[in-house]
Protein backbone atom coordinates (compact mmCIF):
# COMPACT_ATOMS: atom_id res chain seq x y z
CA MET A 1 -12.36 -20.01 19.71
CA ASP A 2 -9.31 -19.40 21.97
CA GLY A 3 -5.75 -20.48 21.94
CA ARG A 4 -2.29 -19.03 22.46
CA VAL A 5 0.29 -17.25 20.45
CA GLU A 6 3.56 -18.80 21.19
CA ILE A 7 6.05 -17.02 18.87
CA LEU A 8 6.09 -13.48 17.55
CA SER A 9 8.81 -12.46 15.14
CA CYS A 10 9.58 -9.87 12.51
CA GLY A 11 8.41 -12.39 9.88
CA PHE A 12 5.77 -14.62 11.28
CA ALA A 13 3.50 -15.53 14.26
CA ALA A 14 2.87 -19.07 15.48
CA GLY A 15 0.78 -20.65 18.03
CA TRP A 16 -2.53 -22.67 18.30
CA ALA A 17 -6.21 -22.21 18.31
CA ARG A 18 -9.02 -24.14 19.94
CA LEU A 19 -11.71 -24.78 17.15
CA PRO A 20 -15.41 -25.31 17.47
CA GLY A 21 -16.07 -29.04 16.82
CA ALA A 22 -13.82 -30.30 14.07
CA GLY A 23 -14.21 -27.13 11.89
CA ALA A 24 -11.60 -24.97 10.39
CA ALA A 25 -10.77 -21.41 11.38
CA TYR A 26 -8.57 -18.65 9.96
CA VAL A 27 -6.42 -16.37 11.98
CA GLY A 28 -4.73 -13.09 11.08
CA ALA A 29 -2.01 -10.93 12.42
CA TRP A 30 -2.46 -7.19 12.71
CA LEU A 31 -0.08 -4.39 13.49
CA GLY A 32 -2.25 -1.53 14.56
CA ALA A 33 -5.01 -1.30 11.98
CA GLU A 34 -3.00 -3.11 9.28
CA MET A 35 -3.50 -6.65 8.60
CA ILE A 36 -0.06 -8.19 7.74
CA GLY A 37 -0.90 -11.79 7.31
CA VAL A 38 -3.49 -14.55 7.46
CA ALA A 39 -3.45 -18.35 7.71
CA GLU A 40 -5.63 -21.30 8.48
CA ALA A 41 -5.35 -22.84 11.92
CA GLY A 42 -5.04 -26.39 10.56
CA GLY A 43 -1.78 -27.82 11.61
CA THR A 44 -1.41 -30.73 13.94
CA ARG A 45 1.06 -31.26 16.78
CA PRO A 46 1.29 -34.25 19.15
CA ASP A 47 0.88 -32.09 22.25
CA LEU A 48 -2.26 -30.47 20.77
CA VAL A 49 -3.72 -33.89 19.88
CA ALA A 50 -3.08 -35.14 23.35
CA ALA A 51 -4.56 -32.05 24.98
CA GLY A 52 -7.61 -32.19 22.72
CA GLU A 53 -8.22 -35.83 23.47
CA ALA A 54 -7.95 -35.16 27.20
CA GLY A 55 -10.13 -32.09 27.18
CA GLY A 56 -12.71 -33.04 24.57
CA PHE A 57 -11.91 -30.18 22.13
CA CYS A 58 -10.16 -29.76 18.80
CA ALA A 59 -6.91 -27.69 18.68
CA ARG A 60 -4.82 -26.88 15.67
CA SER A 61 -1.57 -25.01 15.17
CA PHE A 62 -1.01 -22.05 12.93
CA LEU A 63 1.83 -20.15 11.30
CA ILE A 64 1.04 -16.76 9.82
CA LEU A 65 3.72 -15.50 7.35
CA PHE A 66 3.76 -11.66 7.30
CA ASN A 67 3.51 -9.85 3.94
CA ARG A 68 6.28 -7.47 5.16
CA GLU A 69 9.00 -7.30 7.72
CA VAL A 70 8.04 -5.89 11.11
CA ALA A 71 10.56 -3.60 12.83
CA ALA A 72 12.27 -5.23 15.83
CA GLY A 73 10.75 -2.62 18.25
CA LEU A 74 7.16 -3.35 17.04
CA VAL A 75 7.21 -7.18 17.06
CA GLY A 76 5.60 -7.17 20.55
CA GLU A 77 2.76 -5.08 19.31
CA VAL A 78 1.61 -7.61 16.76
CA VAL A 79 -1.87 -8.93 17.65
CA VAL A 80 -3.43 -12.20 16.39
CA ARG A 81 -7.18 -12.56 15.92
CA ASN A 82 -9.79 -14.91 14.65
CA VAL A 83 -10.42 -13.39 11.12
CA LEU A 84 -14.21 -13.98 11.29
CA THR A 85 -15.01 -12.93 14.88
CA GLN A 86 -12.06 -10.60 15.48
CA GLU A 87 -11.51 -12.36 18.88
CA VAL A 88 -8.00 -11.77 20.08
CA ILE A 89 -5.84 -14.88 20.59
CA PRO A 90 -3.78 -14.13 23.73
CA ALA A 91 0.01 -14.51 24.00
CA ALA A 92 1.19 -17.45 26.00
CA GLU A 93 2.93 -16.79 29.36
CA GLU A 94 6.26 -17.75 27.86
CA VAL A 95 5.73 -16.26 24.33
CA ARG A 96 8.93 -16.04 22.44
CA ILE A 97 9.71 -12.66 21.02
CA ASP A 98 11.95 -13.27 18.05
CA ALA A 99 12.95 -9.67 17.14
CA GLY A 100 15.41 -8.64 14.54
CA PRO A 101 15.64 -9.35 10.71
CA GLY A 102 17.20 -12.77 11.24
CA LEU A 103 20.35 -14.45 10.14
CA GLN A 104 19.84 -17.31 7.70
CA ILE A 105 22.96 -19.36 6.81
CA PHE A 106 23.33 -22.24 4.47
CA VAL A 107 26.57 -24.25 4.87
CA LEU A 108 27.20 -26.30 1.69
CA GLY A 109 29.89 -28.52 0.27
CA SER A 110 30.93 -32.09 -0.41
CA PRO A 111 30.60 -34.50 2.55
CA ARG A 112 33.92 -34.69 4.65
CA SER A 113 34.86 -31.12 3.75
CA GLY A 114 34.44 -29.48 7.24
CA THR A 115 30.74 -28.54 6.91
CA SER A 116 29.92 -30.10 10.33
CA GLU A 117 32.68 -28.33 12.11
CA LEU A 118 31.90 -24.89 10.75
CA ALA A 119 28.08 -25.41 11.29
CA ALA A 120 28.57 -26.45 14.85
CA THR A 121 30.86 -23.47 15.48
CA LEU A 122 28.42 -20.88 14.05
CA ALA A 123 25.34 -22.36 15.54
CA THR A 124 26.92 -22.35 19.07
CA GLN A 125 28.67 -18.99 18.75
CA LEU A 126 25.88 -17.10 17.16
CA GLY A 127 22.97 -18.89 19.04
CA LEU A 128 21.28 -20.07 15.87
CA PRO A 129 18.69 -22.86 15.75
CA TRP A 130 20.27 -25.84 13.94
CA LEU A 131 18.51 -29.13 13.22
CA GLY A 132 21.49 -30.83 11.74
CA GLU A 133 21.25 -31.90 8.07
CA GLY A 134 17.78 -30.98 6.93
CA HIS A 135 17.91 -32.19 3.26
CA ALA A 136 14.67 -30.40 2.68
CA GLY A 137 15.98 -27.78 0.40
CA PRO A 138 16.25 -29.92 -2.76
CA LEU A 139 12.74 -31.29 -2.19
CA LEU A 140 11.24 -27.95 -1.90
CA ALA A 141 13.24 -26.62 -4.86
CA GLY A 142 11.90 -29.52 -7.00
CA ALA A 143 8.39 -28.65 -5.95
CA ALA A 144 8.88 -25.03 -7.00
CA ASP A 145 10.12 -26.19 -10.36
CA PHE A 146 7.11 -28.27 -10.78
CA PHE A 147 4.69 -25.45 -9.84
CA ALA A 148 6.54 -23.00 -12.17
CA GLY A 149 4.99 -24.69 -15.12
CA ASP A 150 5.81 -23.66 -18.65
CA ALA A 151 4.15 -20.61 -20.28
CA ALA A 152 5.14 -21.97 -23.69
CA SER A 153 3.75 -25.52 -23.06
CA GLY A 154 1.09 -26.97 -25.40
CA ASN A 155 -0.50 -28.56 -22.26
CA ASP A 156 -3.16 -26.31 -20.81
CA MET A 157 -2.61 -27.39 -17.26
CA VAL A 158 1.17 -26.92 -17.34
CA ARG A 159 0.73 -23.50 -18.94
CA PHE A 160 -1.81 -22.65 -16.32
CA LEU A 161 0.72 -23.16 -13.62
CA ALA A 162 2.97 -20.58 -15.17
CA ASP A 163 0.18 -18.19 -15.97
CA GLN A 164 -1.08 -18.14 -12.31
CA GLY A 165 2.49 -17.72 -10.86
CA LEU A 166 1.99 -20.81 -8.71
CA ARG A 167 5.74 -21.08 -8.03
CA LYS A 168 5.10 -18.53 -5.26
CA VAL A 169 3.17 -21.26 -3.43
CA ALA A 170 6.40 -23.29 -3.07
CA VAL A 171 8.38 -20.16 -2.07
CA GLU A 172 5.84 -19.41 0.68
CA ALA A 173 5.64 -23.03 1.81
CA THR A 174 9.48 -23.18 2.04
CA ARG A 175 9.61 -20.08 4.20
CA GLY A 176 6.93 -21.62 6.41
CA VAL A 177 8.74 -24.90 6.75
CA TYR A 178 12.06 -23.30 7.78
CA PHE A 179 10.48 -20.80 10.06
CA ALA A 180 8.24 -23.33 11.81
CA SER A 181 10.81 -26.10 12.15
CA HIS A 182 13.44 -23.69 13.63
CA GLY A 183 10.95 -21.63 15.57
CA SER A 184 12.66 -18.49 14.37
CA VAL A 185 13.38 -16.36 11.30
CA SER A 186 17.07 -17.06 12.12
CA PHE A 187 18.47 -20.58 11.39
CA LEU A 188 21.45 -22.51 10.07
CA ASP A 189 21.04 -25.32 7.58
CA LYS A 190 24.08 -27.51 7.09
CA THR A 191 23.32 -30.05 4.32
CA PRO A 192 26.29 -31.30 2.24
CA GLY A 193 25.94 -32.87 -1.18
CA VAL A 194 25.14 -32.10 -4.81
CA PRO A 195 21.38 -31.77 -4.44
CA MET A 196 21.57 -29.05 -1.81
CA ILE A 197 24.20 -27.21 -3.66
CA GLY A 198 21.84 -27.17 -6.70
CA ALA A 199 19.04 -25.79 -4.55
CA ALA A 200 21.00 -22.67 -3.51
CA PRO A 201 19.47 -20.24 -6.08
CA PHE A 202 15.93 -21.35 -5.01
CA LEU A 203 16.79 -20.90 -1.33
CA LEU A 204 18.03 -17.39 -2.12
CA GLU A 205 14.64 -16.74 -3.85
CA CYS A 206 12.99 -17.70 -0.55
CA PHE A 207 15.39 -15.92 1.76
CA PRO A 208 16.85 -12.84 -0.17
CA ARG A 209 19.22 -12.10 2.76
CA ALA A 210 20.61 -15.55 3.22
CA LYS A 211 24.27 -16.22 3.44
CA PHE A 212 25.90 -19.07 1.62
CA ILE A 213 29.21 -20.61 2.80
CA PHE A 214 30.76 -23.36 0.65
CA LEU A 215 33.37 -25.61 2.20
CA ARG A 216 35.99 -27.01 -0.16
CA ARG A 217 38.65 -29.58 0.33
CA ASN A 218 41.37 -31.12 -1.84
CA GLY A 219 39.90 -34.16 -3.58
CA VAL A 220 42.69 -36.55 -2.57
CA ALA A 221 42.23 -35.72 1.14
CA ASN A 222 38.43 -35.79 0.80
CA VAL A 223 38.32 -39.22 -0.77
CA LEU A 224 40.77 -40.52 1.81
CA SER A 225 38.56 -39.15 4.53
CA ARG A 226 35.43 -40.53 2.97
CA MET A 227 36.88 -44.07 2.62
CA ALA A 228 38.05 -43.97 6.19
CA LYS A 229 34.66 -42.69 7.50
CA PHE A 230 32.16 -44.42 5.30
CA GLY A 231 33.88 -47.22 3.36
CA GLY A 232 32.08 -48.29 0.29
CA ASP A 233 32.86 -47.81 -3.40
CA PHE A 234 36.01 -45.80 -4.14
CA HIS A 235 34.78 -44.77 -7.63
CA GLU A 236 31.52 -43.44 -6.17
CA HIS A 237 33.30 -41.32 -3.66
CA CYS A 238 35.52 -39.89 -6.36
CA ALA A 239 32.62 -39.13 -8.62
CA ASP A 240 30.59 -37.55 -5.85
CA TRP A 241 33.30 -35.23 -4.79
CA ALA A 242 33.90 -34.09 -8.36
CA ALA A 243 30.22 -33.60 -8.95
CA ALA A 244 29.80 -31.44 -5.82
CA MET A 245 32.71 -29.20 -6.76
CA ILE A 246 31.53 -28.86 -10.42
CA ARG A 247 27.95 -28.16 -9.38
CA TRP A 248 29.08 -25.38 -7.08
CA LEU A 249 31.00 -23.71 -9.98
CA GLU A 250 27.78 -23.81 -11.96
CA VAL A 251 25.56 -22.52 -9.14
CA SER A 252 27.80 -19.88 -7.63
CA VAL A 253 27.51 -17.68 -10.66
CA GLU A 254 23.77 -17.41 -9.85
CA LEU A 255 24.38 -16.07 -6.40
CA PRO A 256 25.00 -12.38 -5.76
CA HIS A 257 27.41 -13.24 -2.90
CA PHE A 258 28.92 -16.21 -1.18
CA LEU A 259 31.99 -17.23 0.79
CA GLU A 260 34.30 -20.14 0.04
CA VAL A 261 36.22 -21.68 2.99
CA ASN A 262 38.99 -24.14 2.67
CA GLN A 263 38.77 -27.05 5.07
CA GLU A 264 42.53 -26.97 5.36
CA ASP A 265 42.54 -23.31 6.37
CA MET A 266 40.03 -24.05 9.19
CA LEU A 267 42.73 -26.23 10.73
CA ASP A 268 45.97 -24.36 9.86
CA SER A 269 44.70 -20.76 10.06
CA PRO A 270 41.65 -20.54 12.34
CA GLU A 271 42.04 -16.85 13.07
CA GLU A 272 42.16 -15.80 9.40
CA THR A 273 39.32 -18.20 8.58
CA ALA A 274 37.17 -16.85 11.43
CA ALA A 275 37.82 -13.26 10.27
CA ALA A 276 36.72 -14.12 6.80
CA VAL A 277 33.62 -15.85 7.99
CA ALA A 278 32.70 -13.12 10.49
CA GLY A 279 33.32 -10.44 7.92
CA TYR A 280 30.96 -12.10 5.48
CA LEU A 281 28.27 -12.69 8.17
CA GLY A 282 28.67 -9.29 9.84
CA VAL A 283 29.33 -10.81 13.30
CA PRO A 284 32.23 -10.81 15.88
CA ALA A 285 35.16 -13.12 14.96
CA GLY A 286 36.53 -13.90 18.49
CA GLY A 287 34.26 -16.83 19.49
CA ILE A 288 34.49 -18.32 16.04
CA ALA A 289 38.27 -18.42 16.06
CA GLU A 290 38.40 -19.89 19.47
CA SER A 291 35.95 -22.65 18.51
CA LEU A 292 37.90 -23.54 15.42
CA ARG A 293 41.09 -23.73 17.49
CA THR A 294 39.65 -25.98 20.14
CA GLY A 295 36.64 -27.68 18.52
CA ALA A 296 36.18 -31.13 17.07
CA LEU A 297 37.76 -30.52 13.76
CA GLU A 298 39.74 -33.48 12.40
CA HIS A 299 43.30 -32.89 13.68
CA THR A 300 44.33 -36.38 12.76
CA GLY A 301 43.02 -38.85 10.35
CA ALA A 302 43.07 -40.37 6.90
CA GLY A 303 43.02 -37.11 4.89
CA LEU A 304 44.98 -34.77 7.06
CA HIS A 305 47.48 -32.87 4.99
CA ARG A 306 47.57 -35.79 2.48
CA THR A 307 46.98 -34.17 -0.90
CA ARG A 308 49.37 -36.10 -3.18
CA LEU A 309 48.60 -39.38 -4.92
CA ALA A 310 51.87 -40.72 -3.78
CA GLU A 311 50.86 -40.29 -0.17
CA THR A 312 47.58 -42.26 -0.44
CA GLY A 313 48.63 -45.81 -0.61
CA TRP A 314 46.06 -46.37 -3.36
CA SER A 315 46.61 -48.97 -6.00
CA ALA A 316 47.44 -48.02 -9.57
CA ASP A 317 43.90 -48.69 -10.62
CA GLN A 318 42.46 -46.44 -7.85
CA LYS A 319 44.88 -43.61 -8.80
CA ALA A 320 43.67 -43.98 -12.45
CA VAL A 321 40.05 -43.74 -11.34
CA PHE A 322 40.81 -40.71 -9.26
CA ALA A 323 42.63 -38.98 -12.12
CA ARG A 324 39.67 -39.82 -14.47
CA GLU A 325 36.85 -38.64 -12.20
CA CYS A 326 38.47 -35.85 -10.27
CA GLY A 327 41.17 -34.43 -12.50
CA ALA A 328 39.05 -31.84 -14.19
CA ALA A 329 37.57 -30.58 -10.77
CA MET A 330 41.07 -30.58 -9.23
CA ALA A 331 42.35 -28.33 -12.01
CA LEU A 332 39.45 -25.95 -11.91
CA PHE A 333 40.07 -25.37 -8.25
CA GLY A 334 43.68 -24.93 -8.57
CA TYR A 335 44.85 -27.93 -6.55
CA THR A 336 48.51 -28.55 -7.32
CA GLU A 337 48.04 -32.26 -7.64
CA ALA A 338 46.07 -31.54 -10.84
CA ALA A 339 49.42 -31.17 -12.72
CA ALA A 340 50.36 -34.71 -11.90
CA LEU A 341 47.05 -36.00 -13.21
CA ALA A 342 47.35 -34.69 -16.66
C-alpha cells in the first residue's frame, strides 16, 4: 500500500492510500513512538476514483483525528503509516502544514441581520476557510441527541446507547466533517436561523475553543429587509425573527462566552464594532474595521434605520401581526419600539 499525506495539522492528518484490490486498510499517525490516532482509509473522492480507474488500482481517502493536540512546532514531525505493515505513507510534494491550535468561529443570527457581511469580513481578514452556509450543524446535533440514548429508558437498545457513551461517535464525526470539508482545524461557519442557533451548545462540545458571534437586528428593520429580499409571507418572517431571538436567549446561557453584535453598529460604528470583535477573537482590529467601512454591508435598503412601525408603510393588520409575533422579543432585547407595541 502506498499513497500520500496531503494535510498535517495540530488536530488531524489527511490524505489517501492505494489499497490492495478492493480491500480495506487502517492508517495511523505517530509522533515519535507515540501513536496519536488511527482511521480507516475508506473515503471516496472523485479524483481518486478517476485515478484508480485509469491506473487499475483502488485508492481511498483517510482523515485521522488525533487524540491530543500536537504543538505547532511538531506538526511537521507527524508520520503516517499503514497500521498493519508499518509502511510509511510519504508526504505529498505540496503537503499542507496547518500548524497552530486553530480558530473556529460560528456566526449566528436571524437571516438579514448582517451575518454575511461579518462572516465575509472575518474570513477574508483572518484567512479562514469558509464554505458559505453549511447548515450541517443542526443535522449533526440531532444525530448526537439520538446516539445519546437514555439511561433511564425501558428500551434495552435505547439504554444501551447511553450506557456505551455512543454520543462521542457523533462528536468525533462532527469534528471530522468540519476539518475535512475545510481542510483545516481553522474555519468559519456562518449559518443563520433557529436550528443552527439551537445547535450551538453541541458545537461547543465538539470544539471547546470555538467562538460564537450572534448578530442581532431590530425586528422592524429585519422584517422590512426580509420582505424586500425574499418576499413571501409577512407573518412567517415576523415569527421566524422572533423565534431566532428567543432561541438565542435560551441557548446563550449554556455558552461560557459569546459576543453579540448589533447590525446597526456594524454600519454606524465600524471601528467600535471591529474592536469588540477583535478583542473577543484575540486578533488585530485594523483590517476588520476597514472592511466594515468599505464592504458590501447594506448602506441603503428597506430596513436601513427604519425601526418604528410608523416608518414601515405596513397595513394596520400587518402592524398587529408584528406586535403579536415580535412584541415579546422586542421587549426582551430592549428595542424602544417595544413600548409602542404594548
